[in-house]
């Protein structure tokens, strides 16, 4: 499915998010607190647009994704970004390889969320940081109703106009609606070996940044 949407993936994300995707990427970088010389892993990196944002901190950023189609599209668009094929459940890195890890809008696509969180902990050094940037639950009830209507009705229609595989965005809407809310995800992160777990809402809770420290 992700191979099929790769060619217009970045454009589609920008259109569907009304341009908020750029702000969400900057917020993710800021939440990681990266310093020059550190190593950061971007899992579910897709075409590498999020990995390139992380590199603006001066840290060495490498992206990994399961979709070869996304990686090929990313290599053509931004050849300077280190991208490699990798399964979030079996990352091709040694224990404690990174100072920080992040996964943006991809954790809900992994077959086993809890195993992925444990695998992220495995490749992170003790005291290292995690940031999960993912769609979440808007906190205002009225806004939540409007948002869910957009997801299930308007989003697929917009995707038909801009995406190379509009049907994939029906899955997107359904996966967002079924995803745990902020508190539930925080509990799962804590159970996977991460301490001092906290979150911050972006865009009224449409997206949440969850942070943790490797214990």
C-alpha atoms as a PDB file:
ATOM      1  CA  UNK A   1       0.000   0.000   0.000  1.00  0.00           C
ATOM      2  CA  UNK A   2       2.764   2.466   0.899  1.00  0.00           C
ATOM      3  CA  UNK A   3       4.694   1.596  -2.252  1.00  0.00           C
ATOM      4  CA  UNK A   4       1.601   2.637  -4.229  1.00  0.00           C
ATOM      5  CA  UNK A   5       1.328   6.094  -2.604  1.00  0.00           C
ATOM      6  CA  UNK A   6       5.059   6.877  -2.534  1.00  0.00           C
ATOM      7  CA  UNK A   7       5.308   9.145  -5.575  1.00  0.00           C
ATOM      8  CA  UNK A   8       2.891  11.790  -4.258  1.00  0.00           C
ATOM      9  CA  UNK A   9       3.068  10.939  -0.573  1.00  0.00           C
ATOM     10  CA  UNK A  10       4.681  14.173   0.634  1.00  0.00           C
ATOM     11  CA  UNK A  11       2.348  16.390  -1.399  1.00  0.00           C
ATOM     12  CA  UNK A  12      -0.718  14.471  -0.257  1.00  0.00           C
ATOM     13  CA  UNK A  13       0.289  14.771   3.404  1.00  0.00           C
ATOM     14  CA  UNK A  14       0.726  18.521   3.086  1.00  0.00           C
ATOM     15  CA  UNK A  15      -2.655  18.961   1.393  1.00  0.00           C
ATOM     16  CA  UNK A  16      -4.555  16.710   3.819  1.00  0.00           C
ATOM     17  CA  UNK A  17      -2.991  18.365   6.888  1.00  0.00           C
ATOM     18  CA  UNK A  18      -3.525  21.906   5.534  1.00  0.00           C
ATOM     19  CA  UNK A  19       0.234  22.409   5.723  1.00  0.00           C
ATOM     20  CA  UNK A  20       0.471  21.485   9.413  1.00  0.00           C
ATOM     21  CA  UNK A  21       2.812  18.562   8.663  1.00  0.00           C
ATOM     22  CA  UNK A  22       5.769  20.948   8.457  1.00  0.00           C
ATOM     23  CA  UNK A  23       5.045  22.347  11.914  1.00  0.00           C
ATOM     24  CA  UNK A  24       4.624  18.842  13.348  1.00  0.00           C
ATOM     25  CA  UNK A  25       8.043  17.832  12.016  1.00  0.00           C
ATOM     26  CA  UNK A  26       9.687  20.899  13.565  1.00  0.00           C
ATOM     27  CA  UNK A  27       7.987  20.184  16.892  1.00  0.00           C
ATOM     28  CA  UNK A  28       9.243  16.595  16.817  1.00  0.00           C
ATOM     29  CA  UNK A  29      12.811  17.773  16.261  1.00  0.00           C
ATOM     30  CA  UNK A  30      12.525  20.274  19.114  1.00  0.00           C
ATOM     31  CA  UNK A  31      11.073  17.657  21.488  1.00  0.00           C
ATOM     32  CA  UNK A  32      14.029  15.328  20.882  1.00  0.00           C
ATOM     33  CA  UNK A  33      16.478  17.987  22.074  1.00  0.00           C
ATOM     34  CA  UNK A  34      19.148  16.838  19.630  1.00  0.00           C
ATOM     35  CA  UNK A  35      22.715  18.085  19.855  1.00  0.00           C
ATOM     36  CA  UNK A  36      25.461  18.156  17.206  1.00  0.00           C
ATOM     37  CA  UNK A  37      27.315  14.862  17.062  1.00  0.00           C
ATOM     38  CA  UNK A  38      24.461  12.762  18.441  1.00  0.00           C
ATOM     39  CA  UNK A  39      22.955   9.872  16.491  1.00  0.00           C
ATOM     40  CA  UNK A  40      19.194   9.759  15.926  1.00  0.00           C
ATOM     41  CA  UNK A  41      17.132   7.050  14.238  1.00  0.00           C
ATOM     42  CA  UNK A  42      13.944   7.956  12.377  1.00  0.00           C
ATOM     43  CA  UNK A  43      11.803   4.809  12.072  1.00  0.00           C
ATOM     44  CA  UNK A  44       9.016   4.744   9.501  1.00  0.00           C
ATOM     45  CA  UNK A  45      10.870   7.530   7.742  1.00  0.00           C
ATOM     46  CA  UNK A  46       9.141   7.023   4.399  1.00  0.00           C
ATOM     47  CA  UNK A  47      10.682   9.379   1.851  1.00  0.00           C
ATOM     48  CA  UNK A  48      13.033  10.900   4.423  1.00  0.00           C
ATOM     49  CA  UNK A  49      11.408  14.305   4.733  1.00  0.00           C
ATOM     50  CA  UNK A  50      11.243  13.841   8.521  1.00  0.00           C
ATOM     51  CA  UNK A  51      14.842  12.566   8.625  1.00  0.00           C
ATOM     52  CA  UNK A  52      16.076  15.662   6.820  1.00  0.00           C
ATOM     53  CA  UNK A  53      14.272  17.839   9.371  1.00  0.00           C
ATOM     54  CA  UNK A  54      16.058  16.029  12.215  1.00  0.00           C
ATOM     55  CA  UNK A  55      19.437  16.617  10.558  1.00  0.00           C
ATOM     56  CA  UNK A  56      18.882  20.375  10.807  1.00  0.00           C
ATOM     57  CA  UNK A  57      19.804  19.988  14.500  1.00  0.00           C
ATOM     58  CA  UNK A  58      23.370  19.011  13.612  1.00  0.00           C
ATOM     59  CA  UNK A  59      22.850  15.424  14.761  1.00  0.00           C
ATOM     60  CA  UNK A  60      23.542  12.492  12.439  1.00  0.00           C
ATOM     61  CA  UNK A  61      20.073  11.341  11.373  1.00  0.00           C
ATOM     62  CA  UNK A  62      19.366   8.048   9.616  1.00  0.00           C
ATOM     63  CA  UNK A  63      15.952   6.928   8.393  1.00  0.00           C
ATOM     64  CA  UNK A  64      14.568   3.392   8.175  1.00  0.00           C
ATOM     65  CA  UNK A  65      11.389   2.182   6.501  1.00  0.00           C
ATOM     66  CA  UNK A  66       9.844  -1.113   5.434  1.00  0.00           C
ATOM     67  CA  UNK A  67       8.510   0.234   2.114  1.00  0.00           C
ATOM     68  CA  UNK A  68      11.064   0.074  -0.687  1.00  0.00           C
ATOM     69  CA  UNK A  69       8.828   2.255  -2.840  1.00  0.00           C
ATOM     70  CA  UNK A  70       8.955   5.032  -0.251  1.00  0.00           C
ATOM     71  CA  UNK A  71      12.716   4.692   0.078  1.00  0.00           C
ATOM     72  CA  UNK A  72      13.247   4.851  -3.684  1.00  0.00           C
ATOM     73  CA  UNK A  73      11.094   7.977  -3.908  1.00  0.00           C
ATOM     74  CA  UNK A  74      13.043   9.507  -1.029  1.00  0.00           C
ATOM     75  CA  UNK A  75      16.408   8.748  -2.599  1.00  0.00           C
ATOM     76  CA  UNK A  76      15.341  10.529  -5.766  1.00  0.00           C
ATOM     77  CA  UNK A  77      13.956  13.555  -3.939  1.00  0.00           C
ATOM     78  CA  UNK A  78      16.678  13.970  -1.302  1.00  0.00           C
ATOM     79  CA  UNK A  79      19.740  11.816  -2.089  1.00  0.00           C
ATOM     80  CA  UNK A  80      21.761  13.376   0.733  1.00  0.00           C
ATOM     81  CA  UNK A  81      19.560  11.758   3.422  1.00  0.00           C
ATOM     82  CA  UNK A  82      20.749   8.334   4.732  1.00  0.00           C
ATOM     83  CA  UNK A  83      17.824   5.939   4.210  1.00  0.00           C
ATOM     84  CA  UNK A  84      17.767   2.166   4.550  1.00  0.00           C
ATOM     85  CA  UNK A  85      15.278  -0.681   4.558  1.00  0.00           C
ATOM     86  CA  UNK A  86      14.334  -1.841   8.023  1.00  0.00           C
ATOM     87  CA  UNK A  87      11.469  -3.487   9.896  1.00  0.00           C
ATOM     88  CA  UNK A  88      10.383  -1.647  13.050  1.00  0.00           C
ATOM     89  CA  UNK A  89      10.059  -5.047  14.748  1.00  0.00           C
ATOM     90  CA  UNK A  90      13.590  -6.176  13.795  1.00  0.00           C
ATOM     91  CA  UNK A  91      15.754  -3.102  13.372  1.00  0.00           C
ATOM     92  CA  UNK A  92      19.154  -3.768  11.729  1.00  0.00           C
ATOM     93  CA  UNK A  93      21.155  -2.068  14.477  1.00  0.00           C
ATOM     94  CA  UNK A  94      23.080  -3.187  17.539  1.00  0.00           C
ATOM     95  CA  UNK A  95      21.848  -2.562  21.063  1.00  0.00           C
ATOM     96  CA  UNK A  96      22.259   1.012  22.355  1.00  0.00           C
ATOM     97  CA  UNK A  97      23.294   2.370  18.927  1.00  0.00           C
ATOM     98  CA  UNK A  98      21.460   5.706  19.136  1.00  0.00           C
ATOM     99  CA  UNK A  99      21.194   8.697  21.445  1.00  0.00           C
ATOM    100  CA  UNK A 100      17.601   9.251  20.364  1.00  0.00           C
ATOM    101  CA  UNK A 101      14.893   7.523  18.329  1.00  0.00           C
ATOM    102  CA  UNK A 102      11.652   8.730  16.843  1.00  0.00           C
ATOM    103  CA  UNK A 103       8.725   7.407  14.846  1.00  0.00           C
ATOM    104  CA  UNK A 104       6.243   9.748  13.165  1.00  0.00           C
ATOM    105  CA  UNK A 105       2.827   8.685  11.881  1.00  0.00           C
ATOM    106  CA  UNK A 106       4.011   5.088  11.536  1.00  0.00           C
ATOM    107  CA  UNK A 107       3.620   3.399  14.917  1.00  0.00           C
ATOM    108  CA  UNK A 108      -0.067   2.656  14.294  1.00  0.00           C
ATOM    109  CA  UNK A 109       0.910   0.890  11.043  1.00  0.00           C
ATOM    110  CA  UNK A 110       3.169  -1.651  12.778  1.00  0.00           C
ATOM    111  CA  UNK A 111       1.635  -5.083  13.384  1.00  0.00           C
ATOM    112  CA  UNK A 112       2.702  -5.148  17.050  1.00  0.00           C
ATOM    113  CA  UNK A 113       2.824  -1.707  18.671  1.00  0.00           C
ATOM    114  CA  UNK A 114       4.256  -2.898  21.985  1.00  0.00           C
ATOM    115  CA  UNK A 115       6.995  -4.969  20.337  1.00  0.00           C
ATOM    116  CA  UNK A 116       7.962  -1.972  18.206  1.00  0.00           C
ATOM    117  CA  UNK A 117       8.271   0.220  21.307  1.00  0.00           C
ATOM    118  CA  UNK A 118      10.502  -2.414  22.925  1.00  0.00           C
ATOM    119  CA  UNK A 119      12.628  -2.633  19.774  1.00  0.00           C
ATOM    120  CA  UNK A 120      13.051   1.146  19.778  1.00  0.00           C
ATOM    121  CA  UNK A 121      14.213   0.877  23.383  1.00  0.00           C
ATOM    122  CA  UNK A 122      16.696  -1.866  22.457  1.00  0.00           C
ATOM    123  CA  UNK A 123      18.584   0.307  19.963  1.00  0.00           C
ATOM    124  CA  UNK A 124      18.630   3.354  22.280  1.00  0.00           C
ATOM    125  CA  UNK A 125      21.373   3.897  24.844  1.00  0.00           C
ATOM    126  CA  UNK A 126      20.382   4.146  28.539  1.00  0.00           C
ATOM    127  CA  UNK A 127      19.276   7.707  29.155  1.00  0.00           C
ATOM    128  CA  UNK A 128      18.477   8.216  25.470  1.00  0.00           C
ATOM    129  CA  UNK A 129      15.252   9.796  24.274  1.00  0.00           C
ATOM    130  CA  UNK A 130      12.161   8.700  22.385  1.00  0.00           C
ATOM    131  CA  UNK A 131       9.585  10.894  20.678  1.00  0.00           C
ATOM    132  CA  UNK A 132       6.486   9.396  19.089  1.00  0.00           C
ATOM    133  CA  UNK A 133       4.626  11.791  16.807  1.00  0.00           C
ATOM    134  CA  UNK A 134       1.246  10.299  15.981  1.00  0.00           C
ATOM    135  CA  UNK A 135      -2.354  11.180  15.276  1.00  0.00           C
ATOM    136  CA  UNK A 136      -4.382  11.291  18.483  1.00  0.00           C
ATOM    137  CA  UNK A 137      -7.689  12.408  20.019  1.00  0.00           C
ATOM    138  CA  UNK A 138      -8.739  16.086  19.913  1.00  0.00           C
ATOM    139  CA  UNK A 139      -9.461  17.304  23.422  1.00  0.00           C
ATOM    140  CA  UNK A 140     -12.373  19.614  22.603  1.00  0.00           C
ATOM    141  CA  UNK A 141     -15.567  17.563  22.092  1.00  0.00           C
ATOM    142  CA  UNK A 142     -17.008  19.871  19.435  1.00  0.00           C
ATOM    143  CA  UNK A 143     -13.746  19.979  17.506  1.00  0.00           C
ATOM    144  CA  UNK A 144     -13.415  16.194  17.878  1.00  0.00           C
ATOM    145  CA  UNK A 145     -16.808  15.729  16.192  1.00  0.00           C
ATOM    146  CA  UNK A 146     -15.815  17.972  13.263  1.00  0.00           C
ATOM    147  CA  UNK A 147     -12.440  16.264  12.971  1.00  0.00           C
ATOM    148  CA  UNK A 148     -13.903  12.750  12.861  1.00  0.00           C
ATOM    149  CA  UNK A 149     -16.351  13.875  10.198  1.00  0.00           C
ATOM    150  CA  UNK A 150     -13.434  15.204   8.138  1.00  0.00           C
ATOM    151  CA  UNK A 151     -11.562  11.928   8.564  1.00  0.00           C
ATOM    152  CA  UNK A 152     -14.382   9.677   7.455  1.00  0.00           C
ATOM    153  CA  UNK A 153     -16.007  11.869   4.789  1.00  0.00           C
ATOM    154  CA  UNK A 154     -13.834  14.668   3.468  1.00  0.00           C
ATOM    155  CA  UNK A 155     -10.351  13.160   3.723  1.00  0.00           C
ATOM    156  CA  UNK A 156     -10.998  10.303   1.249  1.00  0.00           C
ATOM    157  CA  UNK A 157     -12.544  12.783  -1.184  1.00  0.00           C
ATOM    158  CA  UNK A 158      -9.544  15.103  -0.999  1.00  0.00           C
ATOM    159  CA  UNK A 159      -7.209  12.127  -1.395  1.00  0.00           C
ATOM    160  CA  UNK A 160      -8.937  11.184  -4.639  1.00  0.00           C
ATOM    161  CA  UNK A 161      -7.852  14.520  -6.070  1.00  0.00           C
ATOM    162  CA  UNK A 162      -4.177  14.399  -5.089  1.00  0.00           C
ATOM    163  CA  UNK A 163      -3.074  10.867  -4.169  1.00  0.00           C
ATOM    164  CA  UNK A 164      -1.744   8.159  -6.479  1.00  0.00           C
ATOM    165  CA  UNK A 165      -3.739   5.590  -4.454  1.00  0.00           C
ATOM    166  CA  UNK A 166      -6.814   7.205  -2.854  1.00  0.00           C
ATOM    167  CA  UNK A 167      -8.080   3.916  -1.383  1.00  0.00           C
ATOM    168  CA  UNK A 168      -5.075   3.860   0.941  1.00  0.00           C
ATOM    169  CA  UNK A 169      -6.421   6.956   2.663  1.00  0.00           C
ATOM    170  CA  UNK A 170      -9.606   5.159   3.646  1.00  0.00           C
ATOM    171  CA  UNK A 171      -7.312   2.912   5.692  1.00  0.00           C
ATOM    172  CA  UNK A 172      -5.580   6.033   7.040  1.00  0.00           C
ATOM    173  CA  UNK A 173      -8.851   7.456   8.351  1.00  0.00           C
ATOM    174  CA  UNK A 174      -9.929   4.170   9.905  1.00  0.00           C
ATOM    175  CA  UNK A 175      -6.554   3.581  11.575  1.00  0.00           C
ATOM    176  CA  UNK A 176      -6.588   7.052  13.130  1.00  0.00           C
ATOM    177  CA  UNK A 177     -10.095   6.579  14.515  1.00  0.00           C
ATOM    178  CA  UNK A 178      -9.112   3.233  16.090  1.00  0.00           C
ATOM    179  CA  UNK A 179      -5.831   4.467  17.618  1.00  0.00           C
ATOM    180  CA  UNK A 180      -5.475   4.783  21.447  1.00  0.00           C
ATOM    181  CA  UNK A 181      -5.873   8.198  23.005  1.00  0.00           C
ATOM    182  CA  UNK A 182      -3.025  10.111  24.630  1.00  0.00           C
ATOM    183  CA  UNK A 183      -3.217   8.498  28.064  1.00  0.00           C
ATOM    184  CA  UNK A 184      -3.576   4.955  26.735  1.00  0.00           C
ATOM    185  CA  UNK A 185      -0.562   5.308  24.442  1.00  0.00           C
ATOM    186  CA  UNK A 186       1.497   6.782  27.290  1.00  0.00           C
ATOM    187  CA  UNK A 187       0.776   3.670  29.349  1.00  0.00           C
ATOM    188  CA  UNK A 188       1.948   1.389  26.557  1.00  0.00           C
ATOM    189  CA  UNK A 189       5.155   3.382  26.101  1.00  0.00           C
ATOM    190  CA  UNK A 190       5.903   3.134  29.804  1.00  0.00           C
ATOM    191  CA  UNK A 191       5.305  -0.612  29.809  1.00  0.00           C
ATOM    192  CA  UNK A 192       7.819  -1.047  26.967  1.00  0.00           C
ATOM    193  CA  UNK A 193      10.849   0.159  28.944  1.00  0.00           C
ATOM    194  CA  UNK A 194      10.560   3.922  28.726  1.00  0.00           C
ATOM    195  CA  UNK A 195      10.500   6.168  31.793  1.00  0.00           C
ATOM    196  CA  UNK A 196       9.336   9.737  32.503  1.00  0.00           C
ATOM    197  CA  UNK A 197       6.675   9.400  29.813  1.00  0.00           C
ATOM    198  CA  UNK A 198       4.766  12.576  28.992  1.00  0.00           C
ATOM    199  CA  UNK A 199       2.884  14.008  26.072  1.00  0.00           C
ATOM    200  CA  UNK A 200       2.029  17.327  24.489  1.00  0.00           C
ATOM    201  CA  UNK A 201      -0.889  17.970  22.166  1.00  0.00           C
ATOM    202  CA  UNK A 202      -0.417  19.674  18.811  1.00  0.00           C
ATOM    203  CA  UNK A 203      -3.253  21.234  16.805  1.00  0.00           C
ATOM    204  CA  UNK A 204      -5.728  20.667  19.620  1.00  0.00           C
ATOM    205  CA  UNK A 205      -4.878  16.984  19.967  1.00  0.00           C
ATOM    206  CA  UNK A 206      -5.134  16.047  16.299  1.00  0.00           C
ATOM    207  CA  UNK A 207      -1.499  15.037  16.829  1.00  0.00           C
ATOM    208  CA  UNK A 208       0.308  14.272  20.079  1.00  0.00           C
ATOM    209  CA  UNK A 209       4.016  14.124  20.852  1.00  0.00           C
ATOM    210  CA  UNK A 210       4.818  11.408  23.392  1.00  0.00           C
ATOM    211  CA  UNK A 211       8.252  11.544  25.023  1.00  0.00           C
ATOM    212  CA  UNK A 212      10.166   9.008  27.083  1.00  0.00           C
ATOM    213  CA  UNK A 213      13.642   8.277  28.461  1.00  0.00           C
ATOM    214  CA  UNK A 214      15.342   4.907  28.039  1.00  0.00           C
ATOM    215  CA  UNK A 215      15.618   3.314  31.463  1.00  0.00           C
END
